[in-house]
Amino acid sequence: MLKKIPVSQLCLGMHLHALEGPWLSHPFWKTKFVIRSEADLAKLHDSGVAECWIDTALGLDVPAAPAEARAPAQPPRAAPAATGMAEELQQATRLCKRAHDAVTAMFGEARLGRAIDAEHCLPLVNDITESVFRNPGALISLARLKTQDDYTYMHSVAVCALMVAMGRQLGFDEARCRDAGLAGLLHDTGKALIPLEILNKPGKLTDEEYAVMKLHPQRGHELLSEGQAVPASALDVCLHHHEKVDGSGYPHGLAGEGIELLARMGAVCDVYDAITSYRPYKASWDPADSLARMVSWKGHFDPPVLQAFVKSLGIYPVGSLVRLESGRLAVVVEQNAQSLVAPVVKVFFSTKSQMRIPPERLDLARPGCQDRIAAREDAAAWSRRELDGLWAGDLCPKGYAP
């Protein structure tokens, strides 16, 4: 039987099943084993991880405490406290680095033919979920800033975060949000089995190459089916995130509610991150313009799901270029929960004088603010790196969006 205990209670003879806490923070992340040496026990105690799971059917249990010494039942864990954008961006930066390394390792294991154990993904999903709950705009926006080399791995991280945010908007409880996040993290696992010369091709795929690429949902489903503890929801999202509600998707041409809810969510998150990310052969699209285009694609997405997605990001997501009624151009730097149409922006250019102006942060929802968003602005004339630099600063990775 699996039992969750503090790492401090681990002792020789216990069967370690999984460790909780920050991803890859312990030395045995791909192994379940009986603790037989003092050296391994010392490494675990020194790992900095607070809690773990043991399997009492395969090893020793924690000794029962006397009745008078037993601790009282723990109250339900409180939701993570909200944080500001600047503070959460710093935490999200560290999380993105850990997540990149973790997903890279996971894909590497898959390429070697090794099965994926979904339980090893849970600490990462937990960290991403808590970041999104504290401030959804930070990690979601930061994960969009990818280089070509990072794309496959950070795309999985971004879709995980987007799934959590949309699940929260749809009223999911925390546990179901984590399930959605795990499905997002694993949705493109099949790409680990696509030849690298196709996966990383810096140009348009030929028809033959595209046919191979379209096999990744089925390859991923097969790979995950061979793994351990992969929930049915994650298997379904992996297999069906390229289905469309009009039945024109693949691999099975499912339509409408014949596509499970999480797969319909995965389809939206997958496309949004793909079209807003920089690729050598395709300029990234402005976030607000991407949402507008997705809404116009009739038959592609489930309308209620897409509506919830827009609400989870804001009509003008972080990084969107907008024109204000004053004639100034601005980049959205943070959402206002009270008003989707009045985010916090940073103005930087005057269309009246056709000159740059000193960047200025402006909260459009602040009482007394006289300016408003007049329209989305075409970002084609601007460097994506420059626009994202207005909200992300030096967090933009090297090699991103020239």
Protein backbone atom coordinates (compact mmCIF):
# COMPACT_ATOMS: atom_id res chain seq x y z
CA MET A 1 0.00 0.00 0.00
CA LEU A 2 1.30 3.48 -0.86
CA LYS A 3 1.75 5.86 2.05
CA LYS A 4 2.89 9.50 2.07
CA ILE A 5 5.39 10.32 4.83
CA PRO A 6 7.98 13.02 5.65
CA VAL A 7 11.39 12.24 4.16
CA SER A 8 12.78 12.61 7.68
CA GLN A 9 10.92 9.39 8.62
CA LEU A 10 12.60 7.28 5.92
CA CYS A 11 14.69 4.46 7.29
CA LEU A 12 16.54 1.38 6.08
CA GLY A 13 14.26 -1.33 4.72
CA MET A 14 11.57 1.02 3.38
CA HIS A 15 10.61 0.83 -0.29
CA LEU A 16 10.84 4.31 -1.80
CA HIS A 17 8.09 4.73 -4.40
CA ALA A 18 8.30 8.44 -5.30
CA LEU A 19 9.51 11.76 -3.94
CA GLU A 20 7.46 14.93 -3.84
CA GLY A 21 8.80 18.46 -4.13
CA PRO A 22 10.79 20.35 -6.80
CA TRP A 23 11.43 18.33 -9.93
CA LEU A 24 14.79 16.59 -10.16
CA SER A 25 15.82 17.74 -6.68
CA HIS A 26 16.71 14.25 -5.47
CA PRO A 27 19.32 11.74 -6.67
CA PHE A 28 17.02 8.82 -7.52
CA TRP A 29 14.39 10.43 -9.76
CA LYS A 30 14.04 7.46 -12.15
CA THR A 31 14.26 4.64 -9.59
CA LYS A 32 11.99 2.89 -7.10
CA PHE A 33 13.97 0.84 -4.64
CA VAL A 34 14.33 -0.54 -1.14
CA ILE A 35 16.65 1.67 0.92
CA ARG A 36 19.47 -0.65 1.96
CA SER A 37 22.49 1.61 2.50
CA GLU A 38 23.21 4.40 4.95
CA ALA A 39 24.71 6.40 2.08
CA ASP A 40 21.44 6.36 0.09
CA LEU A 41 19.49 7.22 3.22
CA ALA A 42 21.77 10.16 3.93
CA LYS A 43 21.35 11.47 0.36
CA LEU A 44 17.58 11.34 0.74
CA HIS A 45 17.61 13.09 4.11
CA ASP A 46 19.88 15.81 2.64
CA SER A 47 17.90 16.22 -0.60
CA GLY A 48 15.74 19.12 0.58
CA VAL A 49 12.56 17.26 -0.43
CA ALA A 50 9.98 17.37 2.37
CA GLU A 51 7.72 14.41 1.61
CA CYS A 52 7.78 11.09 -0.21
CA TRP A 53 5.71 7.98 -0.93
CA ILE A 54 6.63 4.53 0.36
CA ASP A 55 5.13 1.17 -0.62
CA THR A 56 4.47 -0.80 2.56
CA ALA A 57 3.74 -3.95 0.53
CA LEU A 58 7.35 -4.01 -0.69
CA GLY A 59 9.18 -2.67 2.36
CA LEU A 60 8.91 -1.57 5.96
CA ASP A 61 6.15 0.68 7.25
CA VAL A 62 6.45 3.60 9.64
CA PRO A 63 6.17 2.34 13.21
CA ALA A 64 2.77 3.08 14.71
CA ALA A 65 2.85 5.93 17.24
CA PRO A 66 1.17 5.62 20.63
CA ALA A 67 -2.35 6.99 20.60
CA GLU A 68 -1.51 9.94 22.85
CA ALA A 69 1.44 10.93 20.63
CA ARG A 70 -0.35 10.92 17.29
CA ALA A 71 -0.55 14.26 15.57
CA PRO A 72 -3.99 15.73 14.88
CA ALA A 73 -5.38 15.46 11.37
CA GLN A 74 -3.99 18.11 9.05
CA PRO A 75 -6.45 20.67 7.70
CA PRO A 76 -6.90 20.95 3.92
CA ARG A 77 -4.01 22.74 2.26
CA ALA A 78 -4.74 26.38 1.53
CA ALA A 79 -4.59 27.59 -2.05
CA PRO A 80 -1.27 29.27 -2.95
CA ALA A 81 -1.31 32.98 -2.10
CA ALA A 82 -1.52 35.31 -5.09
CA THR A 83 1.70 37.07 -6.09
CA GLY A 84 2.46 40.04 -8.30
CA MET A 85 3.70 39.64 -11.84
CA ALA A 86 7.28 40.76 -11.15
CA GLU A 87 7.68 38.46 -8.15
CA GLU A 88 6.17 35.44 -9.89
CA LEU A 89 8.28 35.99 -13.00
CA GLN A 90 11.39 35.42 -10.89
CA GLN A 91 10.00 32.15 -9.51
CA ALA A 92 8.73 31.15 -12.96
CA THR A 93 12.20 31.70 -14.45
CA ARG A 94 13.72 29.17 -12.08
CA LEU A 95 10.81 26.79 -12.66
CA CYS A 96 11.19 27.02 -16.44
CA LYS A 97 14.84 26.03 -16.14
CA ARG A 98 14.01 22.98 -14.02
CA ALA A 99 11.10 22.10 -16.27
CA HIS A 100 13.22 22.33 -19.41
CA ASP A 101 15.81 19.98 -17.93
CA ALA A 102 13.13 17.57 -16.70
CA VAL A 103 11.24 17.34 -19.99
CA THR A 104 14.50 17.06 -21.95
CA ALA A 105 15.44 14.11 -19.75
CA MET A 106 12.00 12.56 -20.16
CA PHE A 107 12.20 12.78 -23.97
CA GLY A 108 15.71 11.36 -23.83
CA GLU A 109 14.48 8.35 -21.87
CA ALA A 110 11.68 7.84 -24.39
CA ARG A 111 14.13 7.95 -27.32
CA LEU A 112 16.10 5.20 -25.62
CA GLY A 113 12.97 3.06 -25.54
CA ARG A 114 12.39 3.38 -21.82
CA ALA A 115 8.85 3.58 -20.46
CA ILE A 116 7.62 6.80 -18.84
CA ASP A 117 6.48 6.72 -15.23
CA ALA A 118 3.89 9.48 -14.87
CA GLU A 119 4.41 9.62 -11.12
CA HIS A 120 7.86 11.08 -11.72
CA CYS A 121 6.14 13.98 -13.52
CA LEU A 122 3.90 14.85 -10.58
CA PRO A 123 6.37 17.11 -8.70
CA LEU A 124 6.87 19.19 -11.83
CA VAL A 125 3.13 19.39 -12.50
CA ASN A 126 2.63 20.36 -8.86
CA ASP A 127 5.13 23.23 -9.16
CA ILE A 128 3.58 24.47 -12.40
CA THR A 129 0.07 24.30 -10.94
CA GLU A 130 1.06 26.31 -7.88
CA SER A 131 2.75 28.95 -10.04
CA VAL A 132 -0.35 29.29 -12.24
CA PHE A 133 -2.57 29.54 -9.15
CA ARG A 134 -0.35 32.29 -7.71
CA ASN A 135 -0.25 34.31 -10.94
CA PRO A 136 -1.24 32.65 -14.24
CA GLY A 137 0.26 35.33 -16.46
CA ALA A 138 3.88 34.83 -15.39
CA LEU A 139 4.71 31.23 -16.25
CA ILE A 140 2.34 31.09 -19.23
CA SER A 141 3.94 34.17 -20.77
CA LEU A 142 7.50 33.14 -19.96
CA ALA A 143 7.08 29.64 -21.40
CA ARG A 144 6.10 31.26 -24.72
CA LEU A 145 9.62 32.70 -25.09
CA LYS A 146 11.34 29.73 -26.72
CA THR A 147 14.32 29.24 -28.94
CA GLN A 148 14.27 26.68 -31.74
CA ASP A 149 16.38 24.29 -29.68
CA ASP A 150 14.01 24.57 -26.72
CA TYR A 151 10.74 24.43 -28.63
CA THR A 152 9.75 20.76 -28.29
CA TYR A 153 10.48 20.67 -24.57
CA MET A 154 9.16 24.07 -23.51
CA HIS A 155 6.05 23.56 -25.65
CA SER A 156 5.12 20.70 -23.32
CA VAL A 157 5.69 22.94 -20.28
CA ALA A 158 3.64 25.77 -21.80
CA VAL A 159 0.72 23.48 -22.67
CA CYS A 160 0.81 22.09 -19.13
CA ALA A 161 0.49 25.61 -17.68
CA LEU A 162 -2.21 26.61 -20.17
CA MET A 163 -4.23 23.50 -19.33
CA VAL A 164 -4.05 24.28 -15.61
CA ALA A 165 -5.15 27.89 -16.19
CA MET A 166 -8.06 26.86 -18.39
CA GLY A 167 -9.10 24.14 -15.96
CA ARG A 168 -9.24 26.72 -13.21
CA GLN A 169 -11.37 28.97 -15.43
CA LEU A 170 -13.74 26.06 -16.07
CA GLY A 171 -14.18 25.53 -12.33
CA PHE A 172 -12.02 22.43 -11.88
CA ASP A 173 -10.84 21.70 -8.36
CA GLU A 174 -7.11 21.66 -7.71
CA ALA A 175 -6.76 17.91 -8.20
CA ARG A 176 -8.48 18.02 -11.58
CA CYS A 177 -6.37 21.01 -12.61
CA ARG A 178 -3.29 18.91 -11.89
CA ASP A 179 -4.72 16.08 -13.99
CA ALA A 180 -5.21 18.54 -16.85
CA GLY A 181 -1.66 19.80 -16.37
CA LEU A 182 -0.20 16.29 -16.46
CA ALA A 183 -2.10 15.59 -19.68
CA GLY A 184 -0.68 18.79 -21.15
CA LEU A 185 2.85 17.93 -20.12
CA LEU A 186 2.63 14.49 -21.76
CA HIS A 187 0.54 15.40 -24.82
CA ASP A 188 3.45 15.50 -27.29
CA THR A 189 5.40 12.55 -25.92
CA GLY A 190 5.13 10.84 -29.30
CA LYS A 191 7.43 13.47 -30.82
CA ALA A 192 10.27 11.76 -28.96
CA LEU A 193 9.88 8.95 -31.50
CA ILE A 194 9.82 11.18 -34.59
CA PRO A 195 13.16 11.33 -36.48
CA LEU A 196 15.07 14.44 -35.38
CA GLU A 197 15.68 15.53 -38.97
CA ILE A 198 11.89 15.89 -39.34
CA LEU A 199 11.16 17.18 -35.84
CA ASN A 200 13.82 19.91 -36.02
CA LYS A 201 13.64 20.71 -39.74
CA PRO A 202 14.05 24.51 -40.13
CA GLY A 203 11.48 24.79 -42.89
CA LYS A 204 8.19 23.50 -44.21
CA LEU A 205 7.75 19.73 -44.14
CA THR A 206 7.19 17.80 -47.34
CA ASP A 207 3.98 15.79 -47.65
CA GLU A 208 5.90 12.61 -46.79
CA GLU A 209 7.51 14.22 -43.74
CA TYR A 210 4.18 15.64 -42.58
CA ALA A 211 2.64 12.16 -42.82
CA VAL A 212 5.36 10.90 -40.46
CA MET A 213 4.83 13.85 -38.09
CA LYS A 214 1.10 13.10 -37.95
CA LEU A 215 1.91 9.73 -36.41
CA HIS A 216 3.07 11.32 -33.16
CA PRO A 217 -0.29 11.10 -31.31
CA GLN A 218 -0.50 7.34 -31.87
CA ARG A 219 3.20 6.81 -31.15
CA GLY A 220 2.84 8.80 -27.96
CA HIS A 221 -0.25 6.87 -26.89
CA GLU A 222 1.61 3.58 -27.42
CA LEU A 223 4.60 4.86 -25.48
CA LEU A 224 2.55 6.12 -22.54
CA SER A 225 0.48 2.92 -22.48
CA GLU A 226 3.69 1.01 -21.77
CA GLY A 227 4.53 3.29 -18.84
CA GLN A 228 3.40 3.34 -15.26
CA ALA A 229 0.63 5.31 -13.55
CA VAL A 230 -0.38 7.21 -16.70
CA PRO A 231 -4.04 8.18 -16.21
CA ALA A 232 -6.61 7.54 -18.92
CA SER A 233 -7.14 11.29 -19.29
CA ALA A 234 -3.48 11.85 -20.25
CA LEU A 235 -3.58 8.94 -22.70
CA ASP A 236 -6.67 10.41 -24.36
CA VAL A 237 -5.22 13.93 -24.65
CA CYS A 238 -2.03 12.50 -26.15
CA LEU A 239 -4.02 10.57 -28.76
CA HIS A 240 -6.69 13.17 -29.59
CA HIS A 241 -5.27 16.69 -29.18
CA HIS A 242 -5.27 17.11 -32.99
CA GLU A 243 -8.94 16.28 -33.40
CA LYS A 244 -11.31 19.11 -34.48
CA VAL A 245 -14.93 19.55 -33.49
CA ASP A 246 -16.05 19.41 -37.15
CA GLY A 247 -14.49 15.97 -37.55
CA SER A 248 -11.67 17.05 -39.86
CA GLY A 249 -8.85 16.35 -37.41
CA TYR A 250 -6.66 13.31 -36.86
CA PRO A 251 -6.00 10.48 -36.11
CA HIS A 252 -9.62 9.31 -35.78
CA GLY A 253 -11.73 12.15 -37.20
CA LEU A 254 -13.72 12.52 -33.98
CA ALA A 255 -16.28 15.32 -33.80
CA GLY A 256 -18.08 17.41 -31.19
CA GLU A 257 -18.54 15.81 -27.81
CA GLY A 258 -17.12 12.60 -29.23
CA ILE A 259 -13.85 14.30 -28.25
CA GLU A 260 -13.32 14.22 -24.48
CA LEU A 261 -13.25 17.58 -22.69
CA LEU A 262 -9.56 17.48 -21.78
CA ALA A 263 -8.66 16.64 -25.39
CA ARG A 264 -10.75 19.60 -26.59
CA MET A 265 -8.84 21.74 -24.10
CA GLY A 266 -5.55 20.27 -25.25
CA ALA A 267 -6.33 21.15 -28.87
CA VAL A 268 -6.76 24.83 -27.96
CA CYS A 269 -3.66 25.03 -25.75
CA ASP A 270 -1.48 23.18 -28.26
CA VAL A 271 -2.37 25.47 -31.16
CA TYR A 272 -2.13 28.71 -29.17
CA ASP A 273 1.35 27.98 -27.91
CA ALA A 274 2.50 26.84 -31.35
CA ILE A 275 1.36 29.96 -33.20
CA THR A 276 2.61 32.40 -30.55
CA SER A 277 6.07 30.80 -30.41
CA TYR A 278 9.00 31.84 -32.58
CA ARG A 279 10.21 29.33 -35.16
CA PRO A 280 13.01 29.89 -37.71
CA TYR A 281 10.58 29.32 -40.59
CA LYS A 282 7.62 31.21 -39.07
CA ALA A 283 7.34 34.49 -37.21
CA SER A 284 5.45 34.22 -33.97
CA TRP A 285 2.00 35.75 -33.96
CA ASP A 286 0.96 38.43 -31.51
CA PRO A 287 -0.94 36.84 -28.57
CA ALA A 288 -4.11 38.93 -28.94
CA ASP A 289 -4.11 38.51 -32.72
CA SER A 290 -3.66 34.75 -32.24
CA LEU A 291 -6.77 34.55 -30.06
CA ALA A 292 -8.76 36.55 -32.63
CA ARG A 293 -7.65 34.23 -35.44
CA MET A 294 -8.46 31.11 -33.44
CA VAL A 295 -11.96 32.42 -32.74
CA SER A 296 -12.44 32.89 -36.49
CA TRP A 297 -11.52 29.27 -37.34
CA LYS A 298 -14.99 27.77 -37.48
CA GLY A 299 -15.19 24.06 -36.80
CA HIS A 300 -11.70 23.83 -35.32
CA PHE A 301 -12.29 24.33 -31.58
CA ASP A 302 -15.13 23.77 -29.14
CA PRO A 303 -16.60 27.32 -28.70
CA PRO A 304 -17.29 27.12 -24.91
CA VAL A 305 -13.79 25.71 -24.32
CA LEU A 306 -12.21 28.42 -26.48
CA GLN A 307 -14.23 31.07 -24.63
CA ALA A 308 -12.94 29.79 -21.29
CA PHE A 309 -9.41 29.83 -22.71
CA VAL A 310 -9.71 33.49 -23.72
CA LYS A 311 -10.99 34.37 -20.24
CA SER A 312 -8.09 32.51 -18.63
CA LEU A 313 -5.54 34.54 -20.63
CA GLY A 314 -7.37 37.82 -21.04
CA ILE A 315 -8.60 39.30 -24.30
CA TYR A 316 -5.20 40.96 -24.57
CA PRO A 317 -2.68 38.44 -23.17
CA VAL A 318 0.69 39.55 -21.83
CA GLY A 319 2.91 40.57 -24.73
CA SER A 320 0.07 41.82 -26.95
CA LEU A 321 0.68 45.02 -28.91
CA VAL A 322 -2.23 47.48 -28.62
CA ARG A 323 -3.06 51.02 -29.72
CA LEU A 324 -4.59 53.31 -27.10
CA GLU A 325 -7.19 55.99 -27.71
CA SER A 326 -4.45 58.55 -27.02
CA GLY A 327 -2.62 57.33 -30.11
CA ARG A 328 0.16 55.70 -28.13
CA LEU A 329 1.28 52.12 -28.72
CA ALA A 330 1.72 49.85 -25.72
CA VAL A 331 2.52 46.27 -24.80
CA VAL A 332 0.38 44.44 -22.27
CA VAL A 333 2.49 43.58 -19.21
CA GLU A 334 -0.09 42.26 -16.74
CA GLN A 335 -3.77 41.37 -16.51
CA ASN A 336 -6.38 43.02 -14.31
CA ALA A 337 -8.63 40.34 -12.85
CA GLN A 338 -11.50 42.82 -12.58
CA SER A 339 -11.50 43.79 -16.28
CA LEU A 340 -10.36 41.78 -19.30
CA VAL A 341 -10.34 44.92 -21.46
CA ALA A 342 -8.27 47.08 -19.09
CA PRO A 343 -4.91 45.39 -18.47
CA VAL A 344 -1.71 46.99 -17.25
CA VAL A 345 0.35 48.17 -20.25
CA LYS A 346 3.67 49.80 -20.99
CA VAL A 347 3.47 52.64 -23.53
CA PHE A 348 6.54 53.21 -25.70
CA PHE A 349 5.60 54.90 -29.00
CA SER A 350 3.48 57.84 -30.19
CA THR A 351 1.67 57.37 -33.50
CA LYS A 352 0.99 61.12 -33.60
CA SER A 353 4.64 62.15 -33.57
CA GLN A 354 5.86 58.83 -35.03
CA MET A 355 8.51 58.81 -32.35
CA ARG A 356 9.47 56.57 -29.47
CA ILE A 357 8.62 57.87 -26.03
CA PRO A 358 10.08 56.88 -22.66
CA PRO A 359 8.44 53.60 -21.60
CA GLU A 360 5.74 54.19 -19.00
CA ARG A 361 3.69 51.66 -17.06
CA LEU A 362 -0.03 52.43 -17.18
CA ASP A 363 -2.83 50.64 -15.31
CA LEU A 364 -5.86 51.09 -17.55
CA ALA A 365 -8.21 49.94 -14.75
CA ARG A 366 -6.92 52.53 -12.26
CA PRO A 367 -9.60 55.03 -11.23
CA GLY A 368 -9.04 58.26 -13.06
CA CYS A 369 -7.13 56.72 -15.97
CA GLN A 370 -8.38 58.46 -19.11
CA ASP A 371 -6.84 56.16 -21.71
CA ARG A 372 -8.30 52.94 -23.11
CA ILE A 373 -7.39 50.28 -25.65
CA ALA A 374 -8.72 51.31 -29.06
CA ALA A 375 -7.63 48.22 -31.01
CA ARG A 376 -5.06 45.51 -31.49
CA GLU A 377 -2.04 46.77 -33.40
CA ASP A 378 -0.25 44.91 -36.18
CA ALA A 379 3.02 43.74 -34.66
CA ALA A 380 4.64 42.81 -37.99
CA ALA A 381 6.68 46.02 -38.10
CA TRP A 382 8.23 45.38 -34.71
CA SER A 383 10.82 42.95 -33.42
CA ARG A 384 9.16 40.31 -31.27
CA ARG A 385 12.16 40.40 -28.95
CA GLU A 386 11.75 44.16 -28.50
CA LEU A 387 8.04 43.87 -27.71
CA ASP A 388 8.50 41.01 -25.29
CA GLY A 389 11.45 42.81 -23.75
CA LEU A 390 9.06 45.53 -22.56
CA TRP A 391 7.42 43.10 -20.14
CA ALA A 392 10.05 40.35 -19.74
CA GLY A 393 13.21 42.47 -19.70
CA ASP A 394 16.36 40.38 -19.70
CA LEU A 395 14.34 37.18 -19.15
CA CYS A 396 14.07 36.76 -22.94
CA PRO A 397 16.38 33.83 -23.80
CA LYS A 398 19.33 34.28 -26.12
CA GLY A 399 18.46 33.27 -29.67
CA TYR A 400 14.77 34.11 -29.22
CA ALA A 401 12.79 36.05 -31.85
CA PRO A 402 15.28 38.30 -33.63
